[in-house]
């Protein structure tokens, strides 16, 4: 394999790993936000009957 192809593969692998790390951190951030700021339904809409 030529050095150019090896360098291109290395850059591609680093990019893919970086994307997966970002997605994992984003997912954990969403879980943390759901835990600390739970969803609450709007009581005005449910009590009015419609």
Protein backbone atom coordinates (compact mmCIF):
# COMPACT_ATOMS: atom_id res chain seq x y z
CA UNK A 1 0.00 0.00 0.00
CA UNK A 2 1.29 3.44 -0.81
CA UNK A 3 1.89 5.99 1.94
CA UNK A 4 -0.78 8.23 0.45
CA UNK A 5 -3.44 5.53 0.72
CA UNK A 6 -2.35 4.70 4.28
CA UNK A 7 -2.62 8.37 5.26
CA UNK A 8 -6.05 8.67 3.66
CA UNK A 9 -7.30 5.58 5.51
CA UNK A 10 -5.92 6.91 8.79
CA UNK A 11 -7.70 10.24 8.28
CA UNK A 12 -10.94 8.41 7.41
CA UNK A 13 -10.72 6.20 10.52
CA UNK A 14 -10.04 9.19 12.75
CA UNK A 15 -13.05 10.98 11.28
CA UNK A 16 -15.40 8.02 11.74
CA UNK A 17 -14.24 7.45 15.33
CA UNK A 18 -14.69 11.16 16.03
CA UNK A 19 -18.25 11.07 14.74
CA UNK A 20 -19.12 8.06 16.91
CA UNK A 21 -17.59 9.72 19.98
CA UNK A 22 -19.62 12.86 19.29
CA UNK A 23 -22.84 10.85 18.86
CA UNK A 24 -22.21 8.98 22.12
CA UNK A 25 -21.61 12.21 24.03
CA UNK A 26 -24.70 13.80 22.48
CA UNK A 27 -26.79 10.76 23.44
CA UNK A 28 -25.52 10.87 27.02
CA UNK A 29 -26.27 14.58 27.16
CA UNK A 30 -29.86 13.95 26.04
CA UNK A 31 -30.28 11.24 28.69
CA UNK A 32 -28.91 13.60 31.37
CA UNK A 33 -31.28 16.38 30.31
CA UNK A 34 -34.25 14.01 30.43
CA UNK A 35 -33.23 12.89 33.91
CA UNK A 36 -32.72 16.35 35.38
CA UNK A 37 -35.46 18.15 33.44
CA UNK A 38 -38.34 15.67 33.09
CA UNK A 39 -41.18 16.36 30.70
CA UNK A 40 -44.32 17.82 32.28
CA UNK A 41 -47.58 17.99 30.38
CA UNK A 42 -49.31 21.33 30.12
CA UNK A 43 -52.03 21.22 32.79
CA UNK A 44 -54.05 24.03 31.22
CA UNK A 45 -54.80 21.92 28.14
CA UNK A 46 -55.69 18.76 30.06
CA UNK A 47 -57.99 20.44 32.61
CA UNK A 48 -60.01 22.41 30.07
CA UNK A 49 -61.31 19.20 28.52
CA UNK A 50 -60.24 19.89 25.04
